[in-house]
């Protein structure tokens, strides 16, 4: 998770695609918009369900056009060919 956050900060779309599960990776990724500034990452929880499945709950903070925003996600990861890949995630604040 930390390496993916760093890739977002550095706009490393190639690394993001390499660490995204092929079943859920979008066809294209957009670079960070101009003026986006990443402010930090806090890992809240990491749970490994079994040898090949894990979840990471995190909050990433960023500022865009002067407005500070936080992204709270519970991400699911799958180990494939000995590499952990981001599968998908849920956003707790948007749940009913």
PDB file of N, CA and C in Angstrom:
ATOM      1  N   UNK A   1       0.827  -1.193   0.000  1.00  0.00           N
ATOM      2  CA  UNK A   1       0.000   0.000   0.000  1.00  0.00           C
ATOM      3  C   UNK A   1       0.867   1.250   0.000  1.00  0.00           C
ATOM      4  N   UNK A   2       1.907   1.246   0.804  1.00  0.00           N
ATOM      5  CA  UNK A   2       2.770   2.426   0.847  1.00  0.00           C
ATOM      6  C   UNK A   2       3.438   2.682  -0.506  1.00  0.00           C
ATOM      7  N   UNK A   3       3.820   1.620  -1.190  1.00  0.00           N
ATOM      8  CA  UNK A   3       4.474   1.812  -2.496  1.00  0.00           C
ATOM      9  C   UNK A   3       3.484   2.359  -3.521  1.00  0.00           C
ATOM     10  N   UNK A   4       2.218   1.953  -3.439  1.00  0.00           N
ATOM     11  CA  UNK A   4       1.211   2.489  -4.366  1.00  0.00           C
ATOM     12  C   UNK A   4       0.936   3.958  -4.066  1.00  0.00           C
ATOM     13  N   UNK A   5       0.891   4.324  -2.782  1.00  0.00           N
ATOM     14  CA  UNK A   5       0.712   5.729  -2.424  1.00  0.00           C
ATOM     15  C   UNK A   5       1.871   6.554  -3.003  1.00  0.00           C
ATOM     16  N   UNK A   6       3.095   6.065  -2.820  1.00  0.00           N
ATOM     17  CA  UNK A   6       4.268   6.761  -3.361  1.00  0.00           C
ATOM     18  C   UNK A   6       4.151   6.897  -4.875  1.00  0.00           C
ATOM     19  N   UNK A   7       3.655   5.868  -5.542  1.00  0.00           N
ATOM     20  CA  UNK A   7       3.477   5.933  -6.995  1.00  0.00           C
ATOM     21  C   UNK A   7       2.447   6.998  -7.371  1.00  0.00           C
ATOM     22  N   UNK A   8       1.375   7.134  -6.580  1.00  0.00           N
ATOM     23  CA  UNK A   8       0.405   8.204  -6.835  1.00  0.00           C
ATOM     24  C   UNK A   8       1.083   9.567  -6.670  1.00  0.00           C
ATOM     25  N   UNK A   9       1.863   9.724  -5.589  1.00  0.00           N
ATOM     26  CA  UNK A   9       2.549  10.995  -5.336  1.00  0.00           C
ATOM     27  C   UNK A   9       3.496  11.335  -6.484  1.00  0.00           C
ATOM     28  N   UNK A  10       4.225  10.350  -6.961  1.00  0.00           N
ATOM     29  CA  UNK A  10       5.216  10.569  -8.022  1.00  0.00           C
ATOM     30  C   UNK A  10       4.639  10.449  -9.428  1.00  0.00           C
ATOM     31  N   UNK A  11       3.322  10.226  -9.507  1.00  0.00           N
ATOM     32  CA  UNK A  11       2.658  10.109 -10.810  1.00  0.00           C
ATOM     33  C   UNK A  11       3.221   8.951 -11.633  1.00  0.00           C
ATOM     34  N   UNK A  12       3.565   7.851 -10.971  1.00  0.00           N
ATOM     35  CA  UNK A  12       4.148   6.673 -11.622  1.00  0.00           C
ATOM     36  C   UNK A  12       3.025   5.734 -12.087  1.00  0.00           C
ATOM     37  N   UNK A  13       2.375   6.089 -13.160  1.00  0.00           N
ATOM     38  CA  UNK A  13       1.251   5.311 -13.673  1.00  0.00           C
ATOM     39  C   UNK A  13       1.683   3.906 -14.073  1.00  0.00           C
ATOM     40  N   UNK A  14       2.916   3.754 -14.540  1.00  0.00           N
ATOM     41  CA  UNK A  14       3.421   2.434 -14.918  1.00  0.00           C
ATOM     42  C   UNK A  14       3.434   1.501 -13.704  1.00  0.00           C
ATOM     43  N   UNK A  15       3.911   1.990 -12.562  1.00  0.00           N
ATOM     44  CA  UNK A  15       3.954   1.169 -11.353  1.00  0.00           C
ATOM     45  C   UNK A  15       2.542   0.843 -10.860  1.00  0.00           C
ATOM     46  N   UNK A  16       1.649   1.820 -10.927  1.00  0.00           N
ATOM     47  CA  UNK A  16       0.267   1.565 -10.505  1.00  0.00           C
ATOM     48  C   UNK A  16      -0.356   0.448 -11.337  1.00  0.00           C
ATOM     49  N   UNK A  17      -0.138   0.474 -12.641  1.00  0.00           N
ATOM     50  CA  UNK A  17      -0.679  -0.580 -13.513  1.00  0.00           C
ATOM     51  C   UNK A  17      -0.043  -1.936 -13.181  1.00  0.00           C
ATOM     52  N   UNK A  18       1.266  -1.953 -12.902  1.00  0.00           N
ATOM     53  CA  UNK A  18       1.958  -3.213 -12.578  1.00  0.00           C
ATOM     54  C   UNK A  18       1.451  -3.821 -11.274  1.00  0.00           C
ATOM     55  N   UNK A  19       0.956  -2.992 -10.358  1.00  0.00           N
ATOM     56  CA  UNK A  19       0.522  -3.481  -9.056  1.00  0.00           C
ATOM     57  C   UNK A  19      -1.004  -3.560  -8.935  1.00  0.00           C
ATOM     58  N   UNK A  20      -1.692  -3.464 -10.059  1.00  0.00           N
ATOM     59  CA  UNK A  20      -3.158  -3.539 -10.107  1.00  0.00           C
ATOM     60  C   UNK A  20      -3.533  -4.893 -10.683  1.00  0.00           C
ATOM     61  N   UNK A  21      -4.480  -5.573 -10.069  1.00  0.00           N
ATOM     62  CA  UNK A  21      -4.915  -6.888 -10.556  1.00  0.00           C
ATOM     63  C   UNK A  21      -5.455  -6.743 -11.983  1.00  0.00           C
ATOM     64  N   UNK A  22      -5.065  -7.639 -12.893  1.00  0.00           N
ATOM     65  CA  UNK A  22      -5.482  -7.490 -14.298  1.00  0.00           C
ATOM     66  C   UNK A  22      -7.001  -7.542 -14.497  1.00  0.00           C
ATOM     67  N   UNK A  23      -7.725  -8.180 -13.598  1.00  0.00           N
ATOM     68  CA  UNK A  23      -9.192  -8.255 -13.741  1.00  0.00           C
ATOM     69  C   UNK A  23      -9.882  -6.929 -13.447  1.00  0.00           C
ATOM     70  N   UNK A  24      -9.225  -6.044 -12.698  1.00  0.00           N
ATOM     71  CA  UNK A  24      -9.887  -4.798 -12.301  1.00  0.00           C
ATOM     72  C   UNK A  24      -9.128  -3.537 -12.720  1.00  0.00           C
ATOM     73  N   UNK A  25      -7.971  -3.697 -13.338  1.00  0.00           N
ATOM     74  CA  UNK A  25      -7.181  -2.533 -13.750  1.00  0.00           C
ATOM     75  C   UNK A  25      -7.891  -1.802 -14.893  1.00  0.00           C
ATOM     76  N   UNK A  26      -8.088  -0.491 -14.746  1.00  0.00           N
ATOM     77  CA  UNK A  26      -8.725   0.254 -15.835  1.00  0.00           C
ATOM     78  C   UNK A  26      -7.854   0.278 -17.085  1.00  0.00           C
ATOM     79  N   UNK A  27      -8.488   0.460 -18.211  1.00  0.00           N
ATOM     80  CA  UNK A  27      -7.765   0.485 -19.489  1.00  0.00           C
ATOM     81  C   UNK A  27      -6.780   1.643 -19.548  1.00  0.00           C
ATOM     82  N   UNK A  28      -7.130   2.770 -18.943  1.00  0.00           N
ATOM     83  CA  UNK A  28      -6.233   3.922 -18.912  1.00  0.00           C
ATOM     84  C   UNK A  28      -6.254   4.525 -17.508  1.00  0.00           C
ATOM     85  N   UNK A  29      -5.157   5.154 -17.170  1.00  0.00           N
ATOM     86  CA  UNK A  29      -5.050   5.883 -15.908  1.00  0.00           C
ATOM     87  C   UNK A  29      -4.714   7.328 -16.230  1.00  0.00           C
ATOM     88  N   UNK A  30      -5.365   8.228 -15.553  1.00  0.00           N
ATOM     89  CA  UNK A  30      -5.119   9.646 -15.774  1.00  0.00           C
ATOM     90  C   UNK A  30      -4.042  10.137 -14.809  1.00  0.00           C
ATOM     91  N   UNK A  31      -3.108  10.951 -15.280  1.00  0.00           N
ATOM     92  CA  UNK A  31      -2.108  11.515 -14.368  1.00  0.00           C
ATOM     93  C   UNK A  31      -2.764  12.464 -13.368  1.00  0.00           C
ATOM     94  N   UNK A  32      -2.036  12.765 -12.310  1.00  0.00           N
ATOM     95  CA  UNK A  32      -2.527  13.723 -11.318  1.00  0.00           C
ATOM     96  C   UNK A  32      -2.874  15.037 -12.009  1.00  0.00           C
ATOM     97  N   UNK A  33      -3.997  15.635 -11.618  1.00  0.00           N
ATOM     98  CA  UNK A  33      -4.316  16.949 -12.191  1.00  0.00           C
ATOM     99  C   UNK A  33      -3.315  17.997 -11.704  1.00  0.00           C
ATOM    100  N   UNK A  34      -3.134  19.046 -12.486  1.00  0.00           N
ATOM    101  CA  UNK A  34      -2.244  20.140 -12.085  1.00  0.00           C
ATOM    102  C   UNK A  34      -2.712  20.714 -10.755  1.00  0.00           C
ATOM    103  N   UNK A  35      -1.779  20.960  -9.886  1.00  0.00           N
ATOM    104  CA  UNK A  35      -2.116  21.560  -8.598  1.00  0.00           C
ATOM    105  C   UNK A  35      -2.421  20.564  -7.499  1.00  0.00           C
ATOM    106  N   UNK A  36      -2.451  19.267  -7.814  1.00  0.00           N
ATOM    107  CA  UNK A  36      -2.709  18.265  -6.781  1.00  0.00           C
ATOM    108  C   UNK A  36      -1.455  18.088  -5.940  1.00  0.00           C
ATOM    109  N   UNK A  37      -1.628  18.147  -4.629  1.00  0.00           N
ATOM    110  CA  UNK A  37      -0.501  17.932  -3.716  1.00  0.00           C
ATOM    111  C   UNK A  37      -0.926  16.883  -2.691  1.00  0.00           C
ATOM    112  N   UNK A  38      -0.200  15.769  -2.689  1.00  0.00           N
ATOM    113  CA  UNK A  38      -0.451  14.711  -1.713  1.00  0.00           C
ATOM    114  C   UNK A  38       0.141  15.144  -0.381  1.00  0.00           C
ATOM    115  N   UNK A  39      -0.593  14.931   0.713  1.00  0.00           N
ATOM    116  CA  UNK A  39      -0.192  15.434   2.026  1.00  0.00           C
ATOM    117  C   UNK A  39       0.197  14.345   3.013  1.00  0.00           C
ATOM    118  N   UNK A  40      -0.204  13.114   2.760  1.00  0.00           N
ATOM    119  CA  UNK A  40       0.179  12.066   3.700  1.00  0.00           C
ATOM    120  C   UNK A  40      -0.694  10.836   3.612  1.00  0.00           C
ATOM    121  N   UNK A  41      -0.170   9.770   4.197  1.00  0.00           N
ATOM    122  CA  UNK A  41      -0.851   8.471   4.219  1.00  0.00           C
ATOM    123  C   UNK A  41      -0.824   7.948   5.643  1.00  0.00           C
ATOM    124  N   UNK A  42      -1.977   7.468   6.103  1.00  0.00           N
ATOM    125  CA  UNK A  42      -2.058   6.818   7.410  1.00  0.00           C
ATOM    126  C   UNK A  42      -2.696   5.457   7.221  1.00  0.00           C
ATOM    127  N   UNK A  43      -1.969   4.413   7.581  1.00  0.00           N
ATOM    128  CA  UNK A  43      -2.515   3.054   7.541  1.00  0.00           C
ATOM    129  C   UNK A  43      -3.284   2.838   8.841  1.00  0.00           C
ATOM    130  N   UNK A  44      -4.549   2.512   8.727  1.00  0.00           N
ATOM    131  CA  UNK A  44      -5.390   2.290   9.905  1.00  0.00           C
ATOM    132  C   UNK A  44      -5.351   0.827  10.321  1.00  0.00           C
ATOM    133  N   UNK A  45      -5.439  -0.071   9.347  1.00  0.00           N
ATOM    134  CA  UNK A  45      -5.452  -1.499   9.667  1.00  0.00           C
ATOM    135  C   UNK A  45      -4.956  -2.299   8.475  1.00  0.00           C
ATOM    136  N   UNK A  46      -4.355  -3.439   8.798  1.00  0.00           N
ATOM    137  CA  UNK A  46      -3.922  -4.400   7.781  1.00  0.00           C
ATOM    138  C   UNK A  46      -4.346  -5.766   8.290  1.00  0.00           C
ATOM    139  N   UNK A  47      -5.137  -6.469   7.490  1.00  0.00           N
ATOM    140  CA  UNK A  47      -5.620  -7.797   7.885  1.00  0.00           C
ATOM    141  C   UNK A  47      -5.332  -8.765   6.755  1.00  0.00           C
ATOM    142  N   UNK A  48      -4.615  -9.825   7.079  1.00  0.00           N
ATOM    143  CA  UNK A  48      -4.345 -10.861   6.081  1.00  0.00           C
ATOM    144  C   UNK A  48      -5.311 -12.017   6.346  1.00  0.00           C
ATOM    145  N   UNK A  49      -6.247 -12.244   5.401  1.00  0.00           N
ATOM    146  CA  UNK A  49      -7.251 -13.287   5.569  1.00  0.00           C
ATOM    147  C   UNK A  49      -6.648 -14.675   5.420  1.00  0.00           C
ATOM    148  N   UNK A  50      -5.748 -14.821   4.462  1.00  0.00           N
ATOM    149  CA  UNK A  50      -5.050 -16.085   4.230  1.00  0.00           C
ATOM    150  C   UNK A  50      -3.764 -15.763   3.476  1.00  0.00           C
ATOM    151  N   UNK A  51      -3.093 -16.768   2.958  1.00  0.00           N
ATOM    152  CA  UNK A  51      -1.798 -16.540   2.313  1.00  0.00           C
ATOM    153  C   UNK A  51      -1.895 -15.663   1.064  1.00  0.00           C
ATOM    154  N   UNK A  52      -3.091 -15.551   0.460  1.00  0.00           N
ATOM    155  CA  UNK A  52      -3.213 -14.843  -0.813  1.00  0.00           C
ATOM    156  C   UNK A  52      -4.229 -13.703  -0.820  1.00  0.00           C
ATOM    157  N   UNK A  53      -4.787 -13.361   0.333  1.00  0.00           N
ATOM    158  CA  UNK A  53      -5.793 -12.296   0.390  1.00  0.00           C
ATOM    159  C   UNK A  53      -5.564 -11.429   1.618  1.00  0.00           C
ATOM    160  N   UNK A  54      -5.636 -10.108   1.405  1.00  0.00           N
ATOM    161  CA  UNK A  54      -5.442  -9.168   2.514  1.00  0.00           C
ATOM    162  C   UNK A  54      -6.243  -7.901   2.251  1.00  0.00           C
ATOM    163  N   UNK A  55      -6.536  -7.183   3.327  1.00  0.00           N
ATOM    164  CA  UNK A  55      -7.165  -5.870   3.213  1.00  0.00           C
ATOM    165  C   UNK A  55      -6.292  -4.855   3.945  1.00  0.00           C
ATOM    166  N   UNK A  56      -6.323  -3.632   3.434  1.00  0.00           N
ATOM    167  CA  UNK A  56      -5.611  -2.523   4.066  1.00  0.00           C
ATOM    168  C   UNK A  56      -6.591  -1.357   4.133  1.00  0.00           C
ATOM    169  N   UNK A  57      -6.814  -0.873   5.352  1.00  0.00           N
ATOM    170  CA  UNK A  57      -7.633   0.326   5.522  1.00  0.00           C
ATOM    171  C   UNK A  57      -6.682   1.500   5.700  1.00  0.00           C
ATOM    172  N   UNK A  58      -6.916   2.568   4.956  1.00  0.00           N
ATOM    173  CA  UNK A  58      -6.014   3.718   4.999  1.00  0.00           C
ATOM    174  C   UNK A  58      -6.768   5.014   4.787  1.00  0.00           C
ATOM    175  N   UNK A  59      -6.109   6.094   5.136  1.00  0.00           N
ATOM    176  CA  UNK A  59      -6.574   7.442   4.814  1.00  0.00           C
ATOM    177  C   UNK A  59      -5.418   8.153   4.126  1.00  0.00           C
ATOM    178  N   UNK A  60      -5.658   8.627   2.911  1.00  0.00           N
ATOM    179  CA  UNK A  60      -4.690   9.437   2.173  1.00  0.00           C
ATOM    180  C   UNK A  60      -5.258  10.851   2.098  1.00  0.00           C
ATOM    181  N   UNK A  61      -4.414  11.819   2.359  1.00  0.00           N
ATOM    182  CA  UNK A  61      -4.852  13.209   2.326  1.00  0.00           C
ATOM    183  C   UNK A  61      -4.182  13.921   1.154  1.00  0.00           C
ATOM    184  N   UNK A  62      -4.948  14.808   0.524  1.00  0.00           N
ATOM    185  CA  UNK A  62      -4.397  15.598  -0.578  1.00  0.00           C
ATOM    186  C   UNK A  62      -5.098  16.942  -0.643  1.00  0.00           C
ATOM    187  N   UNK A  63      -4.469  17.862  -1.370  1.00  0.00           N
ATOM    188  CA  UNK A  63      -5.041  19.190  -1.579  1.00  0.00           C
ATOM    189  C   UNK A  63      -5.124  19.428  -3.075  1.00  0.00           C
ATOM    190  N   UNK A  64      -6.267  19.936  -3.505  1.00  0.00           N
ATOM    191  CA  UNK A  64      -6.470  20.274  -4.916  1.00  0.00           C
ATOM    192  C   UNK A  64      -7.218  21.592  -4.982  1.00  0.00           C
ATOM    193  N   UNK A  65      -6.641  22.530  -5.706  1.00  0.00           N
ATOM    194  CA  UNK A  65      -7.233  23.865  -5.848  1.00  0.00           C
ATOM    195  C   UNK A  65      -7.520  24.499  -4.482  1.00  0.00           C
ATOM    196  N   UNK A  66      -6.606  24.299  -3.531  1.00  0.00           N
ATOM    197  CA  UNK A  66      -6.748  24.902  -2.213  1.00  0.00           C
ATOM    198  C   UNK A  66      -7.663  24.168  -1.252  1.00  0.00           C
ATOM    199  N   UNK A  67      -8.307  23.100  -1.718  1.00  0.00           N
ATOM    200  CA  UNK A  67      -9.242  22.365  -0.864  1.00  0.00           C
ATOM    201  C   UNK A  67      -8.591  21.060  -0.401  1.00  0.00           C
ATOM    202  N   UNK A  68      -8.484  20.897   0.916  1.00  0.00           N
ATOM    203  CA  UNK A  68      -7.936  19.664   1.484  1.00  0.00           C
ATOM    204  C   UNK A  68      -9.024  18.585   1.493  1.00  0.00           C
ATOM    205  N   UNK A  69      -8.630  17.380   1.114  1.00  0.00           N
ATOM    206  CA  UNK A  69      -9.559  16.262   1.020  1.00  0.00           C
ATOM    207  C   UNK A  69      -8.893  15.026   1.588  1.00  0.00           C
ATOM    208  N   UNK A  70      -9.700  14.120   2.129  1.00  0.00           N
ATOM    209  CA  UNK A  70      -9.164  12.845   2.603  1.00  0.00           C
ATOM    210  C   UNK A  70      -9.880  11.719   1.866  1.00  0.00           C
ATOM    211  N   UNK A  71      -9.097  10.731   1.498  1.00  0.00           N
ATOM    212  CA  UNK A  71      -9.605   9.534   0.833  1.00  0.00           C
ATOM    213  C   UNK A  71      -9.478   8.388   1.821  1.00  0.00           C
ATOM    214  N   UNK A  72     -10.603   7.888   2.293  1.00  0.00           N
ATOM    215  CA  UNK A  72     -10.631   6.771   3.244  1.00  0.00           C
ATOM    216  C   UNK A  72     -11.103   5.541   2.469  1.00  0.00           C
ATOM    217  N   UNK A  73     -10.250   4.518   2.415  1.00  0.00           N
ATOM    218  CA  UNK A  73     -10.573   3.328   1.621  1.00  0.00           C
ATOM    219  C   UNK A  73     -10.172   2.068   2.379  1.00  0.00           C
ATOM    220  N   UNK A  74     -10.944   1.026   2.160  1.00  0.00           N
ATOM    221  CA  UNK A  74     -10.567  -0.323   2.580  1.00  0.00           C
ATOM    222  C   UNK A  74     -10.279  -1.079   1.290  1.00  0.00           C
ATOM    223  N   UNK A  75      -8.988  -1.307   1.046  1.00  0.00           N
ATOM    224  CA  UNK A  75      -8.527  -1.908  -0.205  1.00  0.00           C
ATOM    225  C   UNK A  75      -8.364  -3.411  -0.046  1.00  0.00           C
ATOM    226  N   UNK A  76      -8.692  -4.127  -1.106  1.00  0.00           N
ATOM    227  CA  UNK A  76      -8.479  -5.576  -1.131  1.00  0.00           C
ATOM    228  C   UNK A  76      -7.305  -5.884  -2.050  1.00  0.00           C
ATOM    229  N   UNK A  77      -6.419  -6.741  -1.556  1.00  0.00           N
ATOM    230  CA  UNK A  77      -5.233  -7.162  -2.300  1.00  0.00           C
ATOM    231  C   UNK A  77      -5.240  -8.672  -2.460  1.00  0.00           C
ATOM    232  N   UNK A  78      -4.713  -9.132  -3.586  1.00  0.00           N
ATOM    233  CA  UNK A  78      -4.612 -10.559  -3.892  1.00  0.00           C
ATOM    234  C   UNK A  78      -3.160 -10.835  -4.274  1.00  0.00           C
ATOM    235  N   UNK A  79      -2.626 -11.948  -3.763  1.00  0.00           N
ATOM    236  CA  UNK A  79      -1.266 -12.339  -4.162  1.00  0.00           C
ATOM    237  C   UNK A  79      -1.392 -13.191  -5.421  1.00  0.00           C
ATOM    238  N   UNK A  80      -0.697 -12.779  -6.470  1.00  0.00           N
ATOM    239  CA  UNK A  80      -0.713 -13.480  -7.746  1.00  0.00           C
ATOM    240  C   UNK A  80       0.734 -13.606  -8.205  1.00  0.00           C
ATOM    241  N   UNK A  81       1.188 -14.828  -8.465  1.00  0.00           N
ATOM    242  CA  UNK A  81       2.578 -15.059  -8.877  1.00  0.00           C
ATOM    243  C   UNK A  81       3.569 -14.410  -7.906  1.00  0.00           C
ATOM    244  N   UNK A  82       3.277 -14.544  -6.640  1.00  0.00           N
ATOM    245  CA  UNK A  82       4.136 -14.052  -5.556  1.00  0.00           C
ATOM    246  C   UNK A  82       4.217 -12.527  -5.467  1.00  0.00           C
ATOM    247  N   UNK A  83       3.268 -11.799  -6.080  1.00  0.00           N
ATOM    248  CA  UNK A  83       3.210 -10.339  -6.003  1.00  0.00           C
ATOM    249  C   UNK A  83       1.842  -9.925  -5.481  1.00  0.00           C
ATOM    250  N   UNK A  84       1.821  -8.979  -4.544  1.00  0.00           N
ATOM    251  CA  UNK A  84       0.561  -8.448  -4.045  1.00  0.00           C
ATOM    252  C   UNK A  84       0.019  -7.421  -5.039  1.00  0.00           C
ATOM    253  N   UNK A  85      -1.237  -7.605  -5.452  1.00  0.00           N
ATOM    254  CA  UNK A  85      -1.880  -6.725  -6.426  1.00  0.00           C
ATOM    255  C   UNK A  85      -3.153  -6.136  -5.840  1.00  0.00           C
ATOM    256  N   UNK A  86      -3.357  -4.855  -6.091  1.00  0.00           N
ATOM    257  CA  UNK A  86      -4.584  -4.174  -5.681  1.00  0.00           C
ATOM    258  C   UNK A  86      -5.745  -4.720  -6.507  1.00  0.00           C
ATOM    259  N   UNK A  87      -6.796  -5.165  -5.840  1.00  0.00           N
ATOM    260  CA  UNK A  87      -7.969  -5.701  -6.545  1.00  0.00           C
ATOM    261  C   UNK A  87      -9.059  -4.644  -6.652  1.00  0.00           C
ATOM    262  N   UNK A  88      -9.513  -4.137  -5.518  1.00  0.00           N
ATOM    263  CA  UNK A  88     -10.564  -3.120  -5.489  1.00  0.00           C
ATOM    264  C   UNK A  88     -10.682  -2.608  -4.065  1.00  0.00           C
ATOM    265  N   UNK A  89     -11.638  -1.736  -3.843  1.00  0.00           N
ATOM    266  CA  UNK A  89     -11.789  -1.181  -2.500  1.00  0.00           C
ATOM    267  C   UNK A  89     -13.167  -0.597  -2.263  1.00  0.00           C
ATOM    268  N   UNK A  90     -13.441  -0.358  -1.001  1.00  0.00           N
ATOM    269  CA  UNK A  90     -14.688   0.275  -0.562  1.00  0.00           C
ATOM    270  C   UNK A  90     -14.348   1.562   0.166  1.00  0.00           C
ATOM    271  N   UNK A  91     -15.285   2.505   0.128  1.00  0.00           N
ATOM    272  CA  UNK A  91     -15.114   3.792   0.777  1.00  0.00           C
ATOM    273  C   UNK A  91     -16.107   3.871   1.938  1.00  0.00           C
ATOM    274  N   UNK A  92     -15.643   3.662   3.169  1.00  0.00           N
ATOM    275  CA  UNK A  92     -16.562   3.586   4.315  1.00  0.00           C
ATOM    276  C   UNK A  92     -17.484   4.778   4.477  1.00  0.00           C
ATOM    277  N   UNK A  93     -17.031   5.994   4.202  1.00  0.00           N
ATOM    278  CA  UNK A  93     -17.885   7.174   4.401  1.00  0.00           C
ATOM    279  C   UNK A  93     -19.047   7.221   3.423  1.00  0.00           C
ATOM    280  N   UNK A  94     -18.937   6.526   2.284  1.00  0.00           N
ATOM    281  CA  UNK A  94     -20.025   6.580   1.307  1.00  0.00           C
ATOM    282  C   UNK A  94     -21.007   5.432   1.479  1.00  0.00           C
ATOM    283  N   UNK A  95     -20.779   4.583   2.501  1.00  0.00           N
ATOM    284  CA  UNK A  95     -21.694   3.469   2.755  1.00  0.00           C
ATOM    285  C   UNK A  95     -22.933   3.991   3.465  1.00  0.00           C
ATOM    286  N   UNK A  96     -24.100   3.358   3.182  1.00  0.00           N
ATOM    287  CA  UNK A  96     -25.327   3.806   3.844  1.00  0.00           C
ATOM    288  C   UNK A  96     -25.310   3.532   5.329  1.00  0.00           C
TER     289      UNK A  96
END
